[in-house]
Amino acid sequence: MKITPEHYAILETALKATLAKYPLIPSDYAAAGLSPMRLRWDLLRAARIGDVNGIRWACDNLYSYANDSHIDTALRHICNHTS
């Protein structure tokens, strides 16, 4: 995974907090014809990191060294280990 451990920890904390507040149900996404990737990126969009949403934070902090594939790998790993 190309995301630094520090950035990964920030993402993990923010995504877990968001899921605790707004549980996203994978079966609801599937029933609506939406992919697991869509769920992960919606979760990132809904997350707050500092005073910005997760997408803005990713743009400001991750895209200087990572691309969408790298970020999605981190999101997938976090979502698969969140229960």
PDB file of N, CA and C in Angstrom:
ATOM      1  N   MET A   1       0.861  -1.167   0.000  1.00  0.00           N
ATOM      2  CA  MET A   1       0.000   0.000   0.000  1.00  0.00           C
ATOM      3  C   MET A   1       0.906   1.228   0.000  1.00  0.00           C
ATOM      4  N   LYS A   2       0.607   2.160  -0.848  1.00  0.00           N
ATOM      5  CA  LYS A   2       1.467   3.327  -0.990  1.00  0.00           C
ATOM      6  C   LYS A   2       1.169   4.445   0.015  1.00  0.00           C
ATOM      7  N   ILE A   3       0.011   4.411   0.636  1.00  0.00           N
ATOM      8  CA  ILE A   3      -0.353   5.445   1.608  1.00  0.00           C
ATOM      9  C   ILE A   3       0.553   5.312   2.828  1.00  0.00           C
ATOM     10  N   THR A   4       1.063   6.427   3.324  1.00  0.00           N
ATOM     11  CA  THR A   4       1.944   6.374   4.490  1.00  0.00           C
ATOM     12  C   THR A   4       1.171   5.888   5.719  1.00  0.00           C
ATOM     13  N   PRO A   5       1.863   5.278   6.663  1.00  0.00           N
ATOM     14  CA  PRO A   5       1.178   4.825   7.887  1.00  0.00           C
ATOM     15  C   PRO A   5       0.463   5.969   8.619  1.00  0.00           C
ATOM     16  N   GLU A   6       1.066   7.138   8.628  1.00  0.00           N
ATOM     17  CA  GLU A   6       0.436   8.290   9.290  1.00  0.00           C
ATOM     18  C   GLU A   6      -0.878   8.661   8.600  1.00  0.00           C
ATOM     19  N   HIS A   7      -0.858   8.757   7.284  1.00  0.00           N
ATOM     20  CA  HIS A   7      -2.071   9.106   6.549  1.00  0.00           C
ATOM     21  C   HIS A   7      -3.113   7.995   6.645  1.00  0.00           C
ATOM     22  N   TYR A   8      -2.664   6.755   6.619  1.00  0.00           N
ATOM     23  CA  TYR A   8      -3.583   5.631   6.762  1.00  0.00           C
ATOM     24  C   TYR A   8      -4.311   5.713   8.110  1.00  0.00           C
ATOM     25  N   ALA A   9      -3.574   5.987   9.174  1.00  0.00           N
ATOM     26  CA  ALA A   9      -4.176   6.085  10.505  1.00  0.00           C
ATOM     27  C   ALA A   9      -5.216   7.204  10.560  1.00  0.00           C
ATOM     28  N   ILE A  10      -4.923   8.317   9.922  1.00  0.00           N
ATOM     29  CA  ILE A  10      -5.878   9.437   9.876  1.00  0.00           C
ATOM     30  C   ILE A  10      -7.140   9.010   9.136  1.00  0.00           C
ATOM     31  N   LEU A  11      -6.974   8.358   7.983  1.00  0.00           N
ATOM     32  CA  LEU A  11      -8.128   7.870   7.223  1.00  0.00           C
ATOM     33  C   LEU A  11      -8.942   6.870   8.039  1.00  0.00           C
ATOM     34  N   GLU A  12      -8.265   5.930   8.667  1.00  0.00           N
ATOM     35  CA  GLU A  12      -8.949   4.895   9.425  1.00  0.00           C
ATOM     36  C   GLU A  12      -9.783   5.496  10.559  1.00  0.00           C
ATOM     37  N   THR A  13      -9.214   6.412  11.286  1.00  0.00           N
ATOM     38  CA  THR A  13      -9.928   7.062  12.387  1.00  0.00           C
ATOM     39  C   THR A  13     -11.159   7.801  11.867  1.00  0.00           C
ATOM     40  N   ALA A  14     -10.995   8.553  10.800  1.00  0.00           N
ATOM     41  CA  ALA A  14     -12.103   9.339  10.245  1.00  0.00           C
ATOM     42  C   ALA A  14     -13.197   8.442   9.688  1.00  0.00           C
ATOM     43  N   LEU A  15     -12.831   7.389   8.964  1.00  0.00           N
ATOM     44  CA  LEU A  15     -13.831   6.509   8.379  1.00  0.00           C
ATOM     45  C   LEU A  15     -14.583   5.732   9.451  1.00  0.00           C
ATOM     46  N   LYS A  16     -13.885   5.264  10.464  1.00  0.00           N
ATOM     47  CA  LYS A  16     -14.561   4.542  11.540  1.00  0.00           C
ATOM     48  C   LYS A  16     -15.533   5.453  12.290  1.00  0.00           C
ATOM     49  N   ALA A  17     -15.137   6.690  12.519  1.00  0.00           N
ATOM     50  CA  ALA A  17     -16.027   7.645  13.187  1.00  0.00           C
ATOM     51  C   ALA A  17     -17.255   7.925  12.333  1.00  0.00           C
ATOM     52  N   THR A  18     -17.060   8.038  11.040  1.00  0.00           N
ATOM     53  CA  THR A  18     -18.177   8.295  10.134  1.00  0.00           C
ATOM     54  C   THR A  18     -19.125   7.110  10.097  1.00  0.00           C
ATOM     55  N   LEU A  19     -18.573   5.902  10.032  1.00  0.00           N
ATOM     56  CA  LEU A  19     -19.417   4.705  10.021  1.00  0.00           C
ATOM     57  C   LEU A  19     -20.194   4.551  11.325  1.00  0.00           C
ATOM     58  N   ALA A  20     -19.599   4.944  12.432  1.00  0.00           N
ATOM     59  CA  ALA A  20     -20.292   4.863  13.716  1.00  0.00           C
ATOM     60  C   ALA A  20     -21.490   5.810  13.745  1.00  0.00           C
ATOM     61  N   LYS A  21     -21.330   6.942  13.095  1.00  0.00           N
ATOM     62  CA  LYS A  21     -22.396   7.951  13.091  1.00  0.00           C
ATOM     63  C   LYS A  21     -23.420   7.690  11.989  1.00  0.00           C
ATOM     64  N   TYR A  22     -22.959   7.259  10.829  1.00  0.00           N
ATOM     65  CA  TYR A  22     -23.812   7.031   9.658  1.00  0.00           C
ATOM     66  C   TYR A  22     -23.505   5.664   9.056  1.00  0.00           C
ATOM     67  N   PRO A  23     -24.073   4.604   9.611  1.00  0.00           N
ATOM     68  CA  PRO A  23     -23.754   3.275   9.071  1.00  0.00           C
ATOM     69  C   PRO A  23     -24.217   3.146   7.621  1.00  0.00           C
ATOM     70  N   LEU A  24     -23.310   2.732   6.767  1.00  0.00           N
ATOM     71  CA  LEU A  24     -23.635   2.468   5.370  1.00  0.00           C
ATOM     72  C   LEU A  24     -23.803   0.960   5.229  1.00  0.00           C
ATOM     73  N   ILE A  25     -24.882   0.549   4.594  1.00  0.00           N
ATOM     74  CA  ILE A  25     -25.198  -0.862   4.486  1.00  0.00           C
ATOM     75  C   ILE A  25     -24.851  -1.346   3.077  1.00  0.00           C
ATOM     76  N   PRO A  26     -23.853  -2.229   2.966  1.00  0.00           N
ATOM     77  CA  PRO A  26     -23.459  -2.702   1.640  1.00  0.00           C
ATOM     78  C   PRO A  26     -24.607  -3.284   0.833  1.00  0.00           C
ATOM     79  N   SER A  27     -25.530  -3.999   1.493  1.00  0.00           N
ATOM     80  CA  SER A  27     -26.645  -4.588   0.745  1.00  0.00           C
ATOM     81  C   SER A  27     -27.568  -3.513   0.171  1.00  0.00           C
ATOM     82  N   ASP A  28     -27.691  -2.373   0.849  1.00  0.00           N
ATOM     83  CA  ASP A  28     -28.487  -1.267   0.312  1.00  0.00           C
ATOM     84  C   ASP A  28     -27.841  -0.703  -0.948  1.00  0.00           C
ATOM     85  N   TYR A  29     -26.527  -0.601  -0.928  1.00  0.00           N
ATOM     86  CA  TYR A  29     -25.812  -0.127  -2.111  1.00  0.00           C
ATOM     87  C   TYR A  29     -25.988  -1.112  -3.260  1.00  0.00           C
ATOM     88  N   ALA A  30     -25.829  -2.391  -2.982  1.00  0.00           N
ATOM     89  CA  ALA A  30     -25.971  -3.412  -4.021  1.00  0.00           C
ATOM     90  C   ALA A  30     -27.385  -3.394  -4.603  1.00  0.00           C
ATOM     91  N   ALA A  31     -28.389  -3.266  -3.736  1.00  0.00           N
ATOM     92  CA  ALA A  31     -29.782  -3.232  -4.200  1.00  0.00           C
ATOM     93  C   ALA A  31     -30.038  -2.030  -5.101  1.00  0.00           C
ATOM     94  N   ALA A  32     -29.312  -0.949  -4.868  1.00  0.00           N
ATOM     95  CA  ALA A  32     -29.457   0.254  -5.695  1.00  0.00           C
ATOM     96  C   ALA A  32     -28.575   0.192  -6.942  1.00  0.00           C
ATOM     97  N   GLY A  33     -27.869  -0.914  -7.120  1.00  0.00           N
ATOM     98  CA  GLY A  33     -27.011  -1.069  -8.284  1.00  0.00           C
ATOM     99  C   GLY A  33     -25.669  -0.351  -8.151  1.00  0.00           C
ATOM    100  N   LEU A  34     -25.287  -0.025  -6.917  1.00  0.00           N
ATOM    101  CA  LEU A  34     -24.030   0.684  -6.682  1.00  0.00           C
ATOM    102  C   LEU A  34     -22.953  -0.293  -6.226  1.00  0.00           C
ATOM    103  N   SER A  35     -21.743   0.001  -6.580  1.00  0.00           N
ATOM    104  CA  SER A  35     -20.625  -0.899  -6.311  1.00  0.00           C
ATOM    105  C   SER A  35     -20.044  -0.703  -4.911  1.00  0.00           C
ATOM    106  N   PRO A  36     -19.293  -1.688  -4.437  1.00  0.00           N
ATOM    107  CA  PRO A  36     -18.567  -1.517  -3.176  1.00  0.00           C
ATOM    108  C   PRO A  36     -17.588  -0.330  -3.243  1.00  0.00           C
ATOM    109  N   MET A  37     -17.021  -0.080  -4.422  1.00  0.00           N
ATOM    110  CA  MET A  37     -16.127   1.071  -4.565  1.00  0.00           C
ATOM    111  C   MET A  37     -16.897   2.361  -4.326  1.00  0.00           C
ATOM    112  N   ARG A  38     -18.101   2.451  -4.833  1.00  0.00           N
ATOM    113  CA  ARG A  38     -18.921   3.635  -4.631  1.00  0.00           C
ATOM    114  C   ARG A  38     -19.178   3.859  -3.140  1.00  0.00           C
ATOM    115  N   LEU A  39     -19.457   2.782  -2.424  1.00  0.00           N
ATOM    116  CA  LEU A  39     -19.677   2.891  -0.979  1.00  0.00           C
ATOM    117  C   LEU A  39     -18.430   3.444  -0.297  1.00  0.00           C
ATOM    118  N   ARG A  40     -17.253   2.901  -0.647  1.00  0.00           N
ATOM    119  CA  ARG A  40     -16.008   3.359  -0.014  1.00  0.00           C
ATOM    120  C   ARG A  40     -15.763   4.838  -0.255  1.00  0.00           C
ATOM    121  N   TRP A  41     -15.960   5.282  -1.482  1.00  0.00           N
ATOM    122  CA  TRP A  41     -15.690   6.683  -1.807  1.00  0.00           C
ATOM    123  C   TRP A  41     -16.771   7.612  -1.252  1.00  0.00           C
ATOM    124  N   ASP A  42     -18.006   7.131  -1.145  1.00  0.00           N
ATOM    125  CA  ASP A  42     -19.050   7.915  -0.457  1.00  0.00           C
ATOM    126  C   ASP A  42     -18.690   8.074   1.013  1.00  0.00           C
ATOM    127  N   LEU A  43     -18.157   7.017   1.592  1.00  0.00           N
ATOM    128  CA  LEU A  43     -17.726   7.086   2.988  1.00  0.00           C
ATOM    129  C   LEU A  43     -16.613   8.114   3.152  1.00  0.00           C
ATOM    130  N   LEU A  44     -15.652   8.112   2.243  1.00  0.00           N
ATOM    131  CA  LEU A  44     -14.581   9.110   2.302  1.00  0.00           C
ATOM    132  C   LEU A  44     -15.156  10.513   2.157  1.00  0.00           C
ATOM    133  N   ARG A  45     -16.091  10.679   1.250  1.00  0.00           N
ATOM    134  CA  ARG A  45     -16.705  11.993   1.030  1.00  0.00           C
ATOM    135  C   ARG A  45     -17.449  12.467   2.280  1.00  0.00           C
ATOM    136  N   ALA A  46     -18.081  11.549   2.989  1.00  0.00           N
ATOM    137  CA  ALA A  46     -18.851  11.904   4.189  1.00  0.00           C
ATOM    138  C   ALA A  46     -17.962  12.158   5.406  1.00  0.00           C
ATOM    139  N   ALA A  47     -16.766  11.609   5.388  1.00  0.00           N
ATOM    140  CA  ALA A  47     -15.869  11.745   6.545  1.00  0.00           C
ATOM    141  C   ALA A  47     -15.393  13.185   6.700  1.00  0.00           C
ATOM    142  N   ARG A  48     -15.157  13.561   7.945  1.00  0.00           N
ATOM    143  CA  ARG A  48     -14.549  14.867   8.251  1.00  0.00           C
ATOM    144  C   ARG A  48     -13.160  14.611   8.803  1.00  0.00           C
ATOM    145  N   ILE A  49     -12.192  15.266   8.225  1.00  0.00           N
ATOM    146  CA  ILE A  49     -10.814  15.169   8.694  1.00  0.00           C
ATOM    147  C   ILE A  49     -10.358  16.597   8.935  1.00  0.00           C
ATOM    148  N   GLY A  50     -10.168  16.909  10.197  1.00  0.00           N
ATOM    149  CA  GLY A  50      -9.903  18.304  10.526  1.00  0.00           C
ATOM    150  C   GLY A  50     -11.152  19.105  10.225  1.00  0.00           C
ATOM    151  N   ASP A  51     -10.990  20.169   9.463  1.00  0.00           N
ATOM    152  CA  ASP A  51     -12.140  21.012   9.144  1.00  0.00           C
ATOM    153  C   ASP A  51     -12.602  20.866   7.699  1.00  0.00           C
ATOM    154  N   VAL A  52     -12.211  19.768   7.037  1.00  0.00           N
ATOM    155  CA  VAL A  52     -12.605  19.546   5.645  1.00  0.00           C
ATOM    156  C   VAL A  52     -13.171  18.140   5.481  1.00  0.00           C
ATOM    157  N   ASN A  53     -13.880  17.920   4.367  1.00  0.00           N
ATOM    158  CA  ASN A  53     -14.364  16.570   4.113  1.00  0.00           C
ATOM    159  C   ASN A  53     -13.210  15.700   3.619  1.00  0.00           C
ATOM    160  N   GLY A  54     -13.429  14.396   3.629  1.00  0.00           N
ATOM    161  CA  GLY A  54     -12.373  13.450   3.302  1.00  0.00           C
ATOM    162  C   GLY A  54     -11.813  13.597   1.905  1.00  0.00           C
ATOM    163  N   ILE A  55     -12.648  13.943   0.945  1.00  0.00           N
ATOM    164  CA  ILE A  55     -12.164  14.118  -0.425  1.00  0.00           C
ATOM    165  C   ILE A  55     -11.201  15.298  -0.496  1.00  0.00           C
ATOM    166  N   ARG A  56     -11.549  16.406   0.115  1.00  0.00           N
ATOM    167  CA  ARG A  56     -10.668  17.579   0.124  1.00  0.00           C
ATOM    168  C   ARG A  56      -9.352  17.235   0.813  1.00  0.00           C
ATOM    169  N   TRP A  57      -9.449  16.523   1.932  1.00  0.00           N
ATOM    170  CA  TRP A  57      -8.246  16.128   2.655  1.00  0.00           C
ATOM    171  C   TRP A  57      -7.359  15.240   1.777  1.00  0.00           C
ATOM    172  N   ALA A  58      -7.976  14.297   1.085  1.00  0.00           N
ATOM    173  CA  ALA A  58      -7.212  13.417   0.195  1.00  0.00           C
ATOM    174  C   ALA A  58      -6.528  14.229  -0.904  1.00  0.00           C
ATOM    175  N   CYS A  59      -7.249  15.162  -1.477  1.00  0.00           N
ATOM    176  CA  CYS A  59      -6.660  16.016  -2.518  1.00  0.00           C
ATOM    177  C   CYS A  59      -5.471  16.806  -1.972  1.00  0.00           C
ATOM    178  N   ASP A  60      -5.622  17.322  -0.784  1.00  0.00           N
ATOM    179  CA  ASP A  60      -4.570  18.151  -0.183  1.00  0.00           C
ATOM    180  C   ASP A  60      -3.381  17.346   0.320  1.00  0.00           C
ATOM    181  N   ASN A  61      -3.592  16.080   0.696  1.00  0.00           N
ATOM    182  CA  ASN A  61      -2.542  15.322   1.370  1.00  0.00           C
ATOM    183  C   ASN A  61      -2.053  14.071   0.652  1.00  0.00           C
ATOM    184  N   LEU A  62      -2.898  13.437  -0.127  1.00  0.00           N
ATOM    185  CA  LEU A  62      -2.519  12.149  -0.698  1.00  0.00           C
ATOM    186  C   LEU A  62      -2.106  12.199  -2.161  1.00  0.00           C
ATOM    187  N   TYR A  63      -2.743  13.047  -2.931  1.00  0.00           N
ATOM    188  CA  TYR A  63      -2.501  13.014  -4.372  1.00  0.00           C
ATOM    189  C   TYR A  63      -1.113  13.494  -4.786  1.00  0.00           C
ATOM    190  N   SER A  64      -0.346  14.023  -3.852  1.00  0.00           N
ATOM    191  CA  SER A  64       1.027  14.406  -4.204  1.00  0.00           C
ATOM    192  C   SER A  64       1.908  13.164  -4.378  1.00  0.00           C
ATOM    193  N   TYR A  65       1.471  12.019  -3.833  1.00  0.00           N
ATOM    194  CA  TYR A  65       2.282  10.815  -3.956  1.00  0.00           C
ATOM    195  C   TYR A  65       1.473   9.546  -4.249  1.00  0.00           C
ATOM    196  N   ALA A  66       0.155   9.645  -4.273  1.00  0.00           N
ATOM    197  CA  ALA A  66      -0.686   8.469  -4.495  1.00  0.00           C
ATOM    198  C   ALA A  66      -1.759   8.789  -5.524  1.00  0.00           C
ATOM    199  N   ASN A  67      -2.311   7.744  -6.124  1.00  0.00           N
ATOM    200  CA  ASN A  67      -3.399   7.943  -7.079  1.00  0.00           C
ATOM    201  C   ASN A  67      -4.666   7.259  -6.550  1.00  0.00           C
ATOM    202  N   ASP A  68      -5.737   7.307  -7.348  1.00  0.00           N
ATOM    203  CA  ASP A  68      -7.018   6.743  -6.908  1.00  0.00           C
ATOM    204  C   ASP A  68      -6.897   5.269  -6.523  1.00  0.00           C
ATOM    205  N   SER A  69      -6.111   4.520  -7.269  1.00  0.00           N
ATOM    206  CA  SER A  69      -5.949   3.100  -6.981  1.00  0.00           C
ATOM    207  C   SER A  69      -5.314   2.878  -5.608  1.00  0.00           C
ATOM    208  N   HIS A  70      -4.294   3.667  -5.301  1.00  0.00           N
ATOM    209  CA  HIS A  70      -3.644   3.555  -3.992  1.00  0.00           C
ATOM    210  C   HIS A  70      -4.616   3.921  -2.868  1.00  0.00           C
ATOM    211  N   ILE A  71      -5.352   5.002  -3.083  1.00  0.00           N
ATOM    212  CA  ILE A  71      -6.308   5.456  -2.070  1.00  0.00           C
ATOM    213  C   ILE A  71      -7.415   4.419  -1.888  1.00  0.00           C
ATOM    214  N   ASP A  72      -7.909   3.861  -2.999  1.00  0.00           N
ATOM    215  CA  ASP A  72      -8.967   2.864  -2.896  1.00  0.00           C
ATOM    216  C   ASP A  72      -8.478   1.610  -2.175  1.00  0.00           C
ATOM    217  N   THR A  73      -7.226   1.238  -2.364  1.00  0.00           N
ATOM    218  CA  THR A  73      -6.672   0.091  -1.630  1.00  0.00           C
ATOM    219  C   THR A  73      -6.738   0.347  -0.127  1.00  0.00           C
ATOM    220  N   ALA A  74      -6.370   1.537   0.287  1.00  0.00           N
ATOM    221  CA  ALA A  74      -6.444   1.888   1.714  1.00  0.00           C
ATOM    222  C   ALA A  74      -7.900   1.874   2.181  1.00  0.00           C
ATOM    223  N   LEU A  75      -8.795   2.464   1.410  1.00  0.00           N
ATOM    224  CA  LEU A  75     -10.212   2.489   1.777  1.00  0.00           C
ATOM    225  C   LEU A  75     -10.768   1.066   1.881  1.00  0.00           C
ATOM    226  N   ARG A  76     -10.433   0.214   0.932  1.00  0.00           N
ATOM    227  CA  ARG A  76     -10.894  -1.172   0.945  1.00  0.00           C
ATOM    228  C   ARG A  76     -10.400  -1.885   2.201  1.00  0.00           C
ATOM    229  N   HIS A  77      -9.136  -1.697   2.503  1.00  0.00           N
ATOM    230  CA  HIS A  77      -8.562  -2.353   3.681  1.00  0.00           C
ATOM    231  C   HIS A  77      -9.267  -1.885   4.953  1.00  0.00           C
ATOM    232  N   ILE A  78      -9.486  -0.593   5.073  1.00  0.00           N
ATOM    233  CA  ILE A  78     -10.180  -0.049   6.253  1.00  0.00           C
ATOM    234  C   ILE A  78     -11.604  -0.596   6.345  1.00  0.00           C
ATOM    235  N   CYS A  79     -12.322  -0.560   5.239  1.00  0.00           N
ATOM    236  CA  CYS A  79     -13.719  -1.014   5.244  1.00  0.00           C
ATOM    237  C   CYS A  79     -13.828  -2.513   5.534  1.00  0.00           C
ATOM    238  N   ASN A  80     -12.868  -3.297   5.065  1.00  0.00           N
ATOM    239  CA  ASN A  80     -12.896  -4.747   5.307  1.00  0.00           C
ATOM    240  C   ASN A  80     -12.559  -5.098   6.743  1.00  0.00           C
ATOM    241  N   HIS A  81     -11.940  -4.171   7.467  1.00  0.00           N
ATOM    242  CA  HIS A  81     -11.557  -4.433   8.847  1.00  0.00           C
ATOM    243  C   HIS A  81     -12.390  -3.621   9.851  1.00  0.00           C
ATOM    244  N   THR A  82     -13.505  -3.104   9.376  1.00  0.00           N
ATOM    245  CA  THR A  82     -14.401  -2.326  10.229  1.00  0.00           C
ATOM    246  C   THR A  82     -15.686  -3.117  10.413  1.00  0.00           C
ATOM    247  N   SER A  83     -15.960  -3.463  11.610  1.00  0.00           N
ATOM    248  CA  SER A  83     -17.208  -4.186  11.874  1.00  0.00           C
ATOM    249  C   SER A  83     -17.862  -3.650  13.127  1.00  0.00           C
TER     250      SER A  83
END
